[in-house]
Amino acid sequence: MDKREKVISILKKNGLESYIPLFEKNNLMDKKLLSKMTERQFERIGIDNIGDRKRLVQIFKSKGCLIAVLVFVAVLVAALLILHFTGILGNLIGLLKVLGGGAGVLLIIFLLFAFGS
């Protein structure tokens, strides 16, 4: 199934097949491109129904968000395993106990950005 057929299938599956000609006219037959579109952009191409615009954004963004969450969780688990096996995790937990709630969260965020880049 090519990109065009996938988009058409998604629109039909969600009862939005009436927009197929509009999508074709505006060359919006790529899920990756559609995943970056906003409600305002859908409105600009002629989708007047606010409910349909909201549904379109949700339909095309949902899989991208799920993948991003899964990648984040995988990286977090990997980082924790590395910290555990290097012996740093115990020290880090001790430091978080000393720092308390807010400062501990900030430290974790800083470490994730520092080791993630």
PDB file of N, CA and C in Angstrom:
ATOM      1  N   MET A   1       0.847  -1.172   0.000  1.00  0.00           N
ATOM      2  CA  MET A   1       0.000   0.000   0.000  1.00  0.00           C
ATOM      3  C   MET A   1       0.900   1.245   0.000  1.00  0.00           C
ATOM      4  N   ASP A   2       0.690   2.127  -0.971  1.00  0.00           N
ATOM      5  CA  ASP A   2       1.517   3.342  -1.039  1.00  0.00           C
ATOM      6  C   ASP A   2       0.970   4.423  -0.105  1.00  0.00           C
ATOM      7  N   LYS A   3       1.701   5.550  -0.024  1.00  0.00           N
ATOM      8  CA  LYS A   3       1.325   6.637   0.893  1.00  0.00           C
ATOM      9  C   LYS A   3      -0.092   7.127   0.651  1.00  0.00           C
ATOM     10  N   ARG A   4      -0.430   7.322  -0.607  1.00  0.00           N
ATOM     11  CA  ARG A   4      -1.756   7.834  -0.972  1.00  0.00           C
ATOM     12  C   ARG A   4      -2.855   6.891  -0.489  1.00  0.00           C
ATOM     13  N   GLU A   5      -2.665   5.599  -0.758  1.00  0.00           N
ATOM     14  CA  GLU A   5      -3.670   4.609  -0.356  1.00  0.00           C
ATOM     15  C   GLU A   5      -3.823   4.544   1.164  1.00  0.00           C
ATOM     16  N   LYS A   6      -2.715   4.716   1.897  1.00  0.00           N
ATOM     17  CA  LYS A   6      -2.773   4.700   3.367  1.00  0.00           C
ATOM     18  C   LYS A   6      -3.609   5.858   3.883  1.00  0.00           C
ATOM     19  N   VAL A   7      -3.380   7.052   3.336  1.00  0.00           N
ATOM     20  CA  VAL A   7      -4.140   8.233   3.779  1.00  0.00           C
ATOM     21  C   VAL A   7      -5.616   8.046   3.457  1.00  0.00           C
ATOM     22  N   ILE A   8      -5.916   7.575   2.254  1.00  0.00           N
ATOM     23  CA  ILE A   8      -7.312   7.342   1.867  1.00  0.00           C
ATOM     24  C   ILE A   8      -7.957   6.322   2.800  1.00  0.00           C
ATOM     25  N   SER A   9      -7.238   5.260   3.110  1.00  0.00           N
ATOM     26  CA  SER A   9      -7.754   4.228   4.009  1.00  0.00           C
ATOM     27  C   SER A   9      -8.053   4.806   5.393  1.00  0.00           C
ATOM     28  N   ILE A  10      -7.163   5.638   5.907  1.00  0.00           N
ATOM     29  CA  ILE A  10      -7.366   6.248   7.225  1.00  0.00           C
ATOM     30  C   ILE A  10      -8.591   7.161   7.209  1.00  0.00           C
ATOM     31  N   LEU A  11      -8.729   7.958   6.162  1.00  0.00           N
ATOM     32  CA  LEU A  11      -9.877   8.860   6.067  1.00  0.00           C
ATOM     33  C   LEU A  11     -11.184   8.065   6.000  1.00  0.00           C
ATOM     34  N   LYS A  12     -11.199   7.008   5.196  1.00  0.00           N
ATOM     35  CA  LYS A  12     -12.410   6.186   5.083  1.00  0.00           C
ATOM     36  C   LYS A  12     -12.734   5.498   6.405  1.00  0.00           C
ATOM     37  N   LYS A  13     -11.724   4.967   7.056  1.00  0.00           N
ATOM     38  CA  LYS A  13     -11.904   4.254   8.322  1.00  0.00           C
ATOM     39  C   LYS A  13     -12.524   5.161   9.386  1.00  0.00           C
ATOM     40  N   ASN A  14     -12.230   6.456   9.306  1.00  0.00           N
ATOM     41  CA  ASN A  14     -12.709   7.406  10.305  1.00  0.00           C
ATOM     42  C   ASN A  14     -13.906   8.230   9.834  1.00  0.00           C
ATOM     43  N   GLY A  15     -14.519   7.806   8.734  1.00  0.00           N
ATOM     44  CA  GLY A  15     -15.715   8.483   8.241  1.00  0.00           C
ATOM     45  C   GLY A  15     -15.448   9.878   7.687  1.00  0.00           C
ATOM     46  N   LEU A  16     -14.238  10.105   7.208  1.00  0.00           N
ATOM     47  CA  LEU A  16     -13.857  11.415   6.690  1.00  0.00           C
ATOM     48  C   LEU A  16     -13.529  11.363   5.191  1.00  0.00           C
ATOM     49  N   GLU A  17     -14.109  10.381   4.508  1.00  0.00           N
ATOM     50  CA  GLU A  17     -13.801  10.199   3.083  1.00  0.00           C
ATOM     51  C   GLU A  17     -14.219  11.379   2.218  1.00  0.00           C
ATOM     52  N   SER A  18     -15.131  12.200   2.709  1.00  0.00           N
ATOM     53  CA  SER A  18     -15.556  13.370   1.925  1.00  0.00           C
ATOM     54  C   SER A  18     -14.405  14.357   1.717  1.00  0.00           C
ATOM     55  N   TYR A  19     -13.356  14.235   2.534  1.00  0.00           N
ATOM     56  CA  TYR A  19     -12.209  15.147   2.414  1.00  0.00           C
ATOM     57  C   TYR A  19     -11.124  14.628   1.455  1.00  0.00           C
ATOM     58  N   ILE A  20     -11.291  13.440   0.923  1.00  0.00           N
ATOM     59  CA  ILE A  20     -10.275  12.874   0.025  1.00  0.00           C
ATOM     60  C   ILE A  20      -9.965  13.821  -1.133  1.00  0.00           C
ATOM     61  N   PRO A  21     -10.961  14.361  -1.849  1.00  0.00           N
ATOM     62  CA  PRO A  21     -10.626  15.289  -2.950  1.00  0.00           C
ATOM     63  C   PRO A  21      -9.856  16.523  -2.471  1.00  0.00           C
ATOM     64  N   LEU A  22     -10.195  17.014  -1.284  1.00  0.00           N
ATOM     65  CA  LEU A  22      -9.510  18.175  -0.715  1.00  0.00           C
ATOM     66  C   LEU A  22      -8.055  17.839  -0.391  1.00  0.00           C
ATOM     67  N   PHE A  23      -7.832  16.662   0.158  1.00  0.00           N
ATOM     68  CA  PHE A  23      -6.470  16.221   0.466  1.00  0.00           C
ATOM     69  C   PHE A  23      -5.666  16.059  -0.826  1.00  0.00           C
ATOM     70  N   GLU A  24      -6.281  15.467  -1.848  1.00  0.00           N
ATOM     71  CA  GLU A  24      -5.585  15.287  -3.126  1.00  0.00           C
ATOM     72  C   GLU A  24      -5.269  16.632  -3.769  1.00  0.00           C
ATOM     73  N   LYS A  25      -6.233  17.556  -3.746  1.00  0.00           N
ATOM     74  CA  LYS A  25      -6.042  18.884  -4.339  1.00  0.00           C
ATOM     75  C   LYS A  25      -4.869  19.610  -3.685  1.00  0.00           C
ATOM     76  N   ASN A  26      -4.698  19.425  -2.363  1.00  0.00           N
ATOM     77  CA  ASN A  26      -3.647  20.105  -1.614  1.00  0.00           C
ATOM     78  C   ASN A  26      -2.393  19.248  -1.429  1.00  0.00           C
ATOM     79  N   ASN A  27      -2.332  18.129  -2.147  1.00  0.00           N
ATOM     80  CA  ASN A  27      -1.180  17.226  -2.109  1.00  0.00           C
ATOM     81  C   ASN A  27      -0.843  16.793  -0.673  1.00  0.00           C
ATOM     82  N   LEU A  28      -1.861  16.407   0.054  1.00  0.00           N
ATOM     83  CA  LEU A  28      -1.697  15.962   1.436  1.00  0.00           C
ATOM     84  C   LEU A  28      -1.908  14.453   1.521  1.00  0.00           C
ATOM     85  N   MET A  29      -1.117  13.723   0.801  1.00  0.00           N
ATOM     86  CA  MET A  29      -1.288  12.279   0.756  1.00  0.00           C
ATOM     87  C   MET A  29      -0.096  11.559   1.386  1.00  0.00           C
ATOM     88  N   ASP A  30       0.430  12.144   2.458  1.00  0.00           N
ATOM     89  CA  ASP A  30       1.577  11.582   3.157  1.00  0.00           C
ATOM     90  C   ASP A  30       1.320  11.706   4.666  1.00  0.00           C
ATOM     91  N   LYS A  31       1.270  10.568   5.364  1.00  0.00           N
ATOM     92  CA  LYS A  31       0.979  10.574   6.799  1.00  0.00           C
ATOM     93  C   LYS A  31       2.003  11.387   7.583  1.00  0.00           C
ATOM     94  N   LYS A  32       3.250  11.338   7.164  1.00  0.00           N
ATOM     95  CA  LYS A  32       4.296  12.076   7.884  1.00  0.00           C
ATOM     96  C   LYS A  32       4.024  13.582   7.818  1.00  0.00           C
ATOM     97  N   LEU A  33       3.651  14.055   6.648  1.00  0.00           N
ATOM     98  CA  LEU A  33       3.305  15.464   6.483  1.00  0.00           C
ATOM     99  C   LEU A  33       2.060  15.809   7.286  1.00  0.00           C
ATOM    100  N   LEU A  34       1.064  14.949   7.227  1.00  0.00           N
ATOM    101  CA  LEU A  34      -0.190  15.179   7.947  1.00  0.00           C
ATOM    102  C   LEU A  34       0.009  15.181   9.463  1.00  0.00           C
ATOM    103  N   SER A  35       0.997  14.442   9.943  1.00  0.00           N
ATOM    104  CA  SER A  35       1.238  14.387  11.388  1.00  0.00           C
ATOM    105  C   SER A  35       1.751  15.712  11.931  1.00  0.00           C
ATOM    106  N   LYS A  36       2.216  16.584  11.053  1.00  0.00           N
ATOM    107  CA  LYS A  36       2.739  17.887  11.476  1.00  0.00           C
ATOM    108  C   LYS A  36       1.714  19.011  11.331  1.00  0.00           C
ATOM    109  N   MET A  37       0.551  18.684  10.797  1.00  0.00           N
ATOM    110  CA  MET A  37      -0.456  19.713  10.557  1.00  0.00           C
ATOM    111  C   MET A  37      -1.225  20.061  11.818  1.00  0.00           C
ATOM    112  N   THR A  38      -1.624  21.318  11.913  1.00  0.00           N
ATOM    113  CA  THR A  38      -2.402  21.820  13.037  1.00  0.00           C
ATOM    114  C   THR A  38      -3.857  22.004  12.614  1.00  0.00           C
ATOM    115  N   GLU A  39      -4.708  22.245  13.602  1.00  0.00           N
ATOM    116  CA  GLU A  39      -6.115  22.522  13.289  1.00  0.00           C
ATOM    117  C   GLU A  39      -6.220  23.728  12.361  1.00  0.00           C
ATOM    118  N   ARG A  40      -5.428  24.742  12.628  1.00  0.00           N
ATOM    119  CA  ARG A  40      -5.452  25.975  11.822  1.00  0.00           C
ATOM    120  C   ARG A  40      -5.096  25.679  10.365  1.00  0.00           C
ATOM    121  N   GLN A  41      -4.119  24.818  10.144  1.00  0.00           N
ATOM    122  CA  GLN A  41      -3.731  24.464   8.776  1.00  0.00           C
ATOM    123  C   GLN A  41      -4.839  23.685   8.070  1.00  0.00           C
ATOM    124  N   PHE A  42      -5.499  22.795   8.803  1.00  0.00           N
ATOM    125  CA  PHE A  42      -6.629  22.082   8.194  1.00  0.00           C
ATOM    126  C   PHE A  42      -7.740  23.066   7.840  1.00  0.00           C
ATOM    127  N   GLU A  43      -7.934  24.062   8.681  1.00  0.00           N
ATOM    128  CA  GLU A  43      -8.951  25.077   8.396  1.00  0.00           C
ATOM    129  C   GLU A  43      -8.581  25.860   7.133  1.00  0.00           C
ATOM    130  N   ARG A  44      -7.318  26.189   6.983  1.00  0.00           N
ATOM    131  CA  ARG A  44      -6.869  26.975   5.816  1.00  0.00           C
ATOM    132  C   ARG A  44      -7.078  26.243   4.495  1.00  0.00           C
ATOM    133  N   ILE A  45      -7.052  24.910   4.535  1.00  0.00           N
ATOM    134  CA  ILE A  45      -7.250  24.187   3.271  1.00  0.00           C
ATOM    135  C   ILE A  45      -8.729  23.933   2.986  1.00  0.00           C
ATOM    136  N   GLY A  46      -9.606  24.368   3.917  1.00  0.00           N
ATOM    137  CA  GLY A  46     -11.032  24.275   3.635  1.00  0.00           C
ATOM    138  C   GLY A  46     -11.837  23.335   4.503  1.00  0.00           C
ATOM    139  N   ILE A  47     -11.267  22.836   5.590  1.00  0.00           N
ATOM    140  CA  ILE A  47     -12.032  21.977   6.489  1.00  0.00           C
ATOM    141  C   ILE A  47     -12.657  22.882   7.545  1.00  0.00           C
ATOM    142  N   ASP A  48     -13.936  23.187   7.340  1.00  0.00           N
ATOM    143  CA  ASP A  48     -14.635  24.155   8.184  1.00  0.00           C
ATOM    144  C   ASP A  48     -15.123  23.565   9.509  1.00  0.00           C
ATOM    145  N   ASN A  49     -15.396  22.287   9.530  1.00  0.00           N
ATOM    146  CA  ASN A  49     -15.958  21.649  10.720  1.00  0.00           C
ATOM    147  C   ASN A  49     -14.869  21.487  11.785  1.00  0.00           C
ATOM    148  N   ILE A  50     -15.047  22.178  12.918  1.00  0.00           N
ATOM    149  CA  ILE A  50     -14.028  22.151  13.976  1.00  0.00           C
ATOM    150  C   ILE A  50     -13.825  20.743  14.546  1.00  0.00           C
ATOM    151  N   GLY A  51     -14.906  19.988  14.656  1.00  0.00           N
ATOM    152  CA  GLY A  51     -14.794  18.620  15.152  1.00  0.00           C
ATOM    153  C   GLY A  51     -13.952  17.755  14.228  1.00  0.00           C
ATOM    154  N   ASP A  52     -14.158  17.905  12.933  1.00  0.00           N
ATOM    155  CA  ASP A  52     -13.365  17.140  11.961  1.00  0.00           C
ATOM    156  C   ASP A  52     -11.895  17.549  12.018  1.00  0.00           C
ATOM    157  N   ARG A  53     -11.643  18.852  12.184  1.00  0.00           N
ATOM    158  CA  ARG A  53     -10.246  19.312  12.277  1.00  0.00           C
ATOM    159  C   ARG A  53      -9.564  18.696  13.498  1.00  0.00           C
ATOM    160  N   LYS A  54     -10.269  18.700  14.626  1.00  0.00           N
ATOM    161  CA  LYS A  54      -9.710  18.115  15.849  1.00  0.00           C
ATOM    162  C   LYS A  54      -9.460  16.618  15.662  1.00  0.00           C
ATOM    163  N   ARG A  55     -10.400  15.934  15.039  1.00  0.00           N
ATOM    164  CA  ARG A  55     -10.241  14.494  14.789  1.00  0.00           C
ATOM    165  C   ARG A  55      -9.056  14.220  13.874  1.00  0.00           C
ATOM    166  N   LEU A  56      -8.907  15.028  12.830  1.00  0.00           N
ATOM    167  CA  LEU A  56      -7.791  14.826  11.894  1.00  0.00           C
ATOM    168  C   LEU A  56      -6.448  14.989  12.595  1.00  0.00           C
ATOM    169  N   VAL A  57      -6.337  16.016  13.426  1.00  0.00           N
ATOM    170  CA  VAL A  57      -5.083  16.215  14.167  1.00  0.00           C
ATOM    171  C   VAL A  57      -4.825  15.007  15.058  1.00  0.00           C
ATOM    172  N   GLN A  58      -5.850  14.551  15.765  1.00  0.00           N
ATOM    173  CA  GLN A  58      -5.702  13.409  16.665  1.00  0.00           C
ATOM    174  C   GLN A  58      -5.351  12.129  15.905  1.00  0.00           C
ATOM    175  N   ILE A  59      -6.020  11.901  14.808  1.00  0.00           N
ATOM    176  CA  ILE A  59      -5.805  10.680  14.025  1.00  0.00           C
ATOM    177  C   ILE A  59      -4.368  10.596  13.529  1.00  0.00           C
ATOM    178  N   PHE A  60      -3.861  11.693  12.998  1.00  0.00           N
ATOM    179  CA  PHE A  60      -2.538  11.633  12.380  1.00  0.00           C
ATOM    180  C   PHE A  60      -1.395  11.848  13.360  1.00  0.00           C
ATOM    181  N   LYS A  61      -1.657  12.369  14.548  1.00  0.00           N
ATOM    182  CA  LYS A  61      -0.595  12.572  15.529  1.00  0.00           C
ATOM    183  C   LYS A  61      -0.486  11.427  16.520  1.00  0.00           C
ATOM    184  N   SER A  62      -1.505  10.663  16.707  1.00  0.00           N
ATOM    185  CA  SER A  62      -1.532   9.680  17.788  1.00  0.00           C
ATOM    186  C   SER A  62      -0.385   8.676  17.711  1.00  0.00           C
ATOM    187  N   LYS A  63      -0.081   8.157  16.549  1.00  0.00           N
ATOM    188  CA  LYS A  63       0.976   7.155  16.446  1.00  0.00           C
ATOM    189  C   LYS A  63       2.340   7.766  16.696  1.00  0.00           C
ATOM    190  N   GLY A  64       2.546   8.979  16.242  1.00  0.00           N
ATOM    191  CA  GLY A  64       3.825   9.648  16.472  1.00  0.00           C
ATOM    192  C   GLY A  64       4.067   9.874  17.947  1.00  0.00           C
ATOM    193  N   CYS A  65       3.033  10.247  18.690  1.00  0.00           N
ATOM    194  CA  CYS A  65       3.158  10.473  20.127  1.00  0.00           C
ATOM    195  C   CYS A  65       3.469   9.168  20.842  1.00  0.00           C
ATOM    196  N   LEU A  66       2.806   8.110  20.460  1.00  0.00           N
ATOM    197  CA  LEU A  66       3.037   6.817  21.096  1.00  0.00           C
ATOM    198  C   LEU A  66       4.476   6.374  20.886  1.00  0.00           C
ATOM    199  N   ILE A  67       4.984   6.537  19.690  1.00  0.00           N
ATOM    200  CA  ILE A  67       6.364   6.157  19.400  1.00  0.00           C
ATOM    201  C   ILE A  67       7.324   6.998  20.231  1.00  0.00           C
ATOM    202  N   ALA A  68       7.061   8.304  20.333  1.00  0.00           N
ATOM    203  CA  ALA A  68       7.927   9.184  21.127  1.00  0.00           C
ATOM    204  C   ALA A  68       7.939   8.745  22.587  1.00  0.00           C
ATOM    205  N   VAL A  69       6.787   8.388  23.134  1.00  0.00           N
ATOM    206  CA  VAL A  69       6.712   7.943  24.528  1.00  0.00           C
ATOM    207  C   VAL A  69       7.483   6.639  24.700  1.00  0.00           C
ATOM    208  N   LEU A  70       7.310   5.702  23.775  1.00  0.00           N
ATOM    209  CA  LEU A  70       8.017   4.428  23.874  1.00  0.00           C
ATOM    210  C   LEU A  70       9.525   4.611  23.793  1.00  0.00           C
ATOM    211  N   VAL A  71       9.983   5.497  22.916  1.00  0.00           N
ATOM    212  CA  VAL A  71      11.415   5.775  22.803  1.00  0.00           C
ATOM    213  C   VAL A  71      11.928   6.392  24.102  1.00  0.00           C
ATOM    214  N   PHE A  72      11.173   7.358  24.654  1.00  0.00           N
ATOM    215  CA  PHE A  72      11.579   7.988  25.906  1.00  0.00           C
ATOM    216  C   PHE A  72      11.700   6.957  27.017  1.00  0.00           C
ATOM    217  N   VAL A  73      10.716   6.072  27.139  1.00  0.00           N
ATOM    218  CA  VAL A  73      10.742   5.052  28.189  1.00  0.00           C
ATOM    219  C   VAL A  73      11.936   4.114  27.990  1.00  0.00           C
ATOM    220  N   ALA A  74      12.193   3.726  26.755  1.00  0.00           N
ATOM    221  CA  ALA A  74      13.327   2.840  26.473  1.00  0.00           C
ATOM    222  C   ALA A  74      14.648   3.502  26.851  1.00  0.00           C
ATOM    223  N   VAL A  75      14.795   4.783  26.530  1.00  0.00           N
ATOM    224  CA  VAL A  75      16.029   5.513  26.869  1.00  0.00           C
ATOM    225  C   VAL A  75      16.156   5.641  28.381  1.00  0.00           C
ATOM    226  N   LEU A  76      15.053   5.932  29.047  1.00  0.00           N
ATOM    227  CA  LEU A  76      15.076   6.061  30.500  1.00  0.00           C
ATOM    228  C   LEU A  76      15.472   4.752  31.162  1.00  0.00           C
ATOM    229  N   VAL A  77      14.900   3.639  30.708  1.00  0.00           N
ATOM    230  CA  VAL A  77      15.241   2.327  31.263  1.00  0.00           C
ATOM    231  C   VAL A  77      16.709   2.013  31.012  1.00  0.00           C
ATOM    232  N   ALA A  78      17.193   2.289  29.801  1.00  0.00           N
ATOM    233  CA  ALA A  78      18.599   2.048  29.489  1.00  0.00           C
ATOM    234  C   ALA A  78      19.505   2.881  30.387  1.00  0.00           C
ATOM    235  N   ALA A  79      19.145   4.148  30.582  1.00  0.00           N
ATOM    236  CA  ALA A  79      19.954   5.022  31.439  1.00  0.00           C
ATOM    237  C   ALA A  79      19.980   4.492  32.877  1.00  0.00           C
ATOM    238  N   LEU A  80      18.819   4.057  33.380  1.00  0.00           N
ATOM    239  CA  LEU A  80      18.768   3.518  34.742  1.00  0.00           C
ATOM    240  C   LEU A  80      19.590   2.239  34.869  1.00  0.00           C
ATOM    241  N   LEU A  81      19.550   1.391  33.852  1.00  0.00           N
ATOM    242  CA  LEU A  81      20.365   0.163  33.885  1.00  0.00           C
ATOM    243  C   LEU A  81      21.856   0.500  33.897  1.00  0.00           C
ATOM    244  N   ILE A  82      22.245   1.456  33.074  1.00  0.00           N
ATOM    245  CA  ILE A  82      23.654   1.864  33.043  1.00  0.00           C
ATOM    246  C   ILE A  82      24.071   2.422  34.400  1.00  0.00           C
ATOM    247  N   LEU A  83      23.222   3.282  34.965  1.00  0.00           N
ATOM    248  CA  LEU A  83      23.524   3.849  36.273  1.00  0.00           C
ATOM    249  C   LEU A  83      23.597   2.765  37.347  1.00  0.00           C
ATOM    250  N   HIS A  84      22.708   1.774  37.251  1.00  0.00           N
ATOM    251  CA  HIS A  84      22.703   0.677  38.225  1.00  0.00           C
ATOM    252  C   HIS A  84      23.994  -0.140  38.137  1.00  0.00           C
ATOM    253  N   PHE A  85      24.356  -0.555  36.927  1.00  0.00           N
ATOM    254  CA  PHE A  85      25.515  -1.429  36.782  1.00  0.00           C
ATOM    255  C   PHE A  85      26.847  -0.714  36.961  1.00  0.00           C
ATOM    256  N   THR A  86      26.860   0.597  36.890  1.00  0.00           N
ATOM    257  CA  THR A  86      28.090   1.346  37.166  1.00  0.00           C
ATOM    258  C   THR A  86      28.157   1.765  38.630  1.00  0.00           C
ATOM    259  N   GLY A  87      27.110   1.472  39.395  1.00  0.00           N
ATOM    260  CA  GLY A  87      27.097   1.806  40.811  1.00  0.00           C
ATOM    261  C   GLY A  87      26.686   3.238  41.100  1.00  0.00           C
ATOM    262  N   ILE A  88      26.358   3.982  40.081  1.00  0.00           N
ATOM    263  CA  ILE A  88      26.011   5.387  40.263  1.00  0.00           C
ATOM    264  C   ILE A  88      24.577   5.544  40.759  1.00  0.00           C
ATOM    265  N   LEU A  89      23.707   4.598  40.429  1.00  0.00           N
ATOM    266  CA  LEU A  89      22.292   4.730  40.761  1.00  0.00           C
ATOM    267  C   LEU A  89      22.065   4.865  42.266  1.00  0.00           C
ATOM    268  N   GLY A  90      22.765   4.042  43.048  1.00  0.00           N
ATOM    269  CA  GLY A  90      22.616   4.125  44.502  1.00  0.00           C
ATOM    270  C   GLY A  90      23.002   5.499  45.029  1.00  0.00           C
ATOM    271  N   ASN A  91      24.124   6.028  44.523  1.00  0.00           N
ATOM    272  CA  ASN A  91      24.563   7.364  44.939  1.00  0.00           C
ATOM    273  C   ASN A  91      23.558   8.425  44.511  1.00  0.00           C
ATOM    274  N   LEU A  92      23.002   8.269  43.310  1.00  0.00           N
ATOM    275  CA  LEU A  92      22.035   9.229  42.792  1.00  0.00           C
ATOM    276  C   LEU A  92      20.758   9.221  43.635  1.00  0.00           C
ATOM    277  N   ILE A  93      20.293   8.039  44.021  1.00  0.00           N
ATOM    278  CA  ILE A  93      19.102   7.940  44.859  1.00  0.00           C
ATOM    279  C   ILE A  93      19.360   8.594  46.213  1.00  0.00           C
ATOM    280  N   GLY A  94      20.535   8.366  46.764  1.00  0.00           N
ATOM    281  CA  GLY A  94      20.895   9.018  48.023  1.00  0.00           C
ATOM    282  C   GLY A  94      20.897  10.529  47.893  1.00  0.00           C
ATOM    283  N   LEU A  95      21.426  11.030  46.790  1.00  0.00           N
ATOM    284  CA  LEU A  95      21.456  12.473  46.546  1.00  0.00           C
ATOM    285  C   LEU A  95      20.043  13.025  46.399  1.00  0.00           C
ATOM    286  N   LEU A  96      19.167  12.294  45.710  1.00  0.00           N
ATOM    287  CA  LEU A  96      17.787  12.734  45.542  1.00  0.00           C
ATOM    288  C   LEU A  96      17.058  12.801  46.883  1.00  0.00           C
ATOM    289  N   LYS A  97      17.360  11.856  47.772  1.00  0.00           N
ATOM    290  CA  LYS A  97      16.732  11.879  49.099  1.00  0.00           C
ATOM    291  C   LYS A  97      17.162  13.127  49.867  1.00  0.00           C
ATOM    292  N   VAL A  98      18.428  13.471  49.731  1.00  0.00           N
ATOM    293  CA  VAL A  98      18.941  14.659  50.420  1.00  0.00           C
ATOM    294  C   VAL A  98      18.338  15.931  49.827  1.00  0.00           C
ATOM    295  N   LEU A  99      18.257  15.995  48.499  1.00  0.00           N
ATOM    296  CA  LEU A  99      17.760  17.205  47.837  1.00  0.00           C
ATOM    297  C   LEU A  99      16.258  17.386  47.987  1.00  0.00           C
ATOM    298  N   GLY A 100      15.536  16.321  48.061  1.00  0.00           N
ATOM    299  CA  GLY A 100      14.081  16.419  48.180  1.00  0.00           C
ATOM    300  C   GLY A 100      13.400  16.525  46.828  1.00  0.00           C
ATOM    301  N   GLY A 101      12.065  16.653  46.846  1.00  0.00           N
ATOM    302  CA  GLY A 101      11.198  16.613  45.666  1.00  0.00           C
ATOM    303  C   GLY A 101      11.599  17.443  44.477  1.00  0.00           C
ATOM    304  N   GLY A 102      11.387  18.760  44.530  1.00  0.00           N
ATOM    305  CA  GLY A 102      11.575  19.618  43.360  1.00  0.00           C
ATOM    306  C   GLY A 102      12.995  19.620  42.835  1.00  0.00           C
ATOM    307  N   ALA A 103      13.959  19.741  43.742  1.00  0.00           N
ATOM    308  CA  ALA A 103      15.364  19.772  43.316  1.00  0.00           C
ATOM    309  C   ALA A 103      15.767  18.435  42.712  1.00  0.00           C
ATOM    310  N   GLY A 104      15.212  17.360  43.258  1.00  0.00           N
ATOM    311  CA  GLY A 104      15.518  16.035  42.722  1.00  0.00           C
ATOM    312  C   GLY A 104      15.011  15.865  41.304  1.00  0.00           C
ATOM    313  N   VAL A 105      13.815  16.344  41.063  1.00  0.00           N
ATOM    314  CA  VAL A 105      13.243  16.274  39.716  1.00  0.00           C
ATOM    315  C   VAL A 105      14.083  17.090  38.744  1.00  0.00           C
ATOM    316  N   LEU A 106      14.484  18.289  39.158  1.00  0.00           N
ATOM    317  CA  LEU A 106      15.330  19.130  38.304  1.00  0.00           C
ATOM    318  C   LEU A 106      16.662  18.445  38.000  1.00  0.00           C
ATOM    319  N   LEU A 107      17.234  17.780  38.999  1.00  0.00           N
ATOM    320  CA  LEU A 107      18.492  17.070  38.782  1.00  0.00           C
ATOM    321  C   LEU A 107      18.312  15.943  37.764  1.00  0.00           C
ATOM    322  N   ILE A 108      17.229  15.200  37.888  1.00  0.00           N
ATOM    323  CA  ILE A 108      16.969  14.109  36.944  1.00  0.00           C
ATOM    324  C   ILE A 108      16.813  14.667  35.530  1.00  0.00           C
ATOM    325  N   ILE A 109      16.054  15.748  35.379  1.00  0.00           N
ATOM    326  CA  ILE A 109      15.870  16.362  34.059  1.00  0.00           C
ATOM    327  C   ILE A 109      17.209  16.811  33.504  1.00  0.00           C
ATOM    328  N   PHE A 110      18.029  17.441  34.344  1.00  0.00           N
ATOM    329  CA  PHE A 110      19.348  17.890  33.893  1.00  0.00           C
ATOM    330  C   PHE A 110      20.197  16.700  33.430  1.00  0.00           C
ATOM    331  N   LEU A 111      20.202  15.637  34.212  1.00  0.00           N
ATOM    332  CA  LEU A 111      20.999  14.467  33.847  1.00  0.00           C
ATOM    333  C   LEU A 111      20.515  13.830  32.553  1.00  0.00           C
ATOM    334  N   LEU A 112      19.200  13.781  32.365  1.00  0.00           N
ATOM    335  CA  LEU A 112      18.667  13.211  31.125  1.00  0.00           C
ATOM    336  C   LEU A 112      19.106  14.027  29.923  1.00  0.00           C
ATOM    337  N   PHE A 113      19.055  15.345  30.047  1.00  0.00           N
ATOM    338  CA  PHE A 113      19.506  16.193  28.931  1.00  0.00           C
ATOM    339  C   PHE A 113      21.014  16.092  28.740  1.00  0.00           C
ATOM    340  N   ALA A 114      21.752  16.043  29.831  1.00  0.00           N
ATOM    341  CA  ALA A 114      23.224  15.995  29.748  1.00  0.00           C
ATOM    342  C   ALA A 114      23.694  14.701  29.091  1.00  0.00           C
ATOM    343  N   PHE A 115      23.116  13.575  29.502  1.00  0.00           N
ATOM    344  CA  PHE A 115      23.536  12.293  28.944  1.00  0.00           C
ATOM    345  C   PHE A 115      22.854  11.997  27.610  1.00  0.00           C
ATOM    346  N   GLY A 116      21.732  12.672  27.336  1.00  0.00           N
ATOM    347  CA  GLY A 116      20.996  12.417  26.097  1.00  0.00           C
ATOM    348  C   GLY A 116      21.566  13.127  24.896  1.00  0.00           C
ATOM    349  N   SER A 117      22.380  14.156  25.113  1.00  0.00           N
ATOM    350  CA  SER A 117      22.902  14.908  23.958  1.00  0.00           C
ATOM    351  C   SER A 117      24.254  14.451  23.511  1.00  0.00           C
TER     352      SER A 117
END
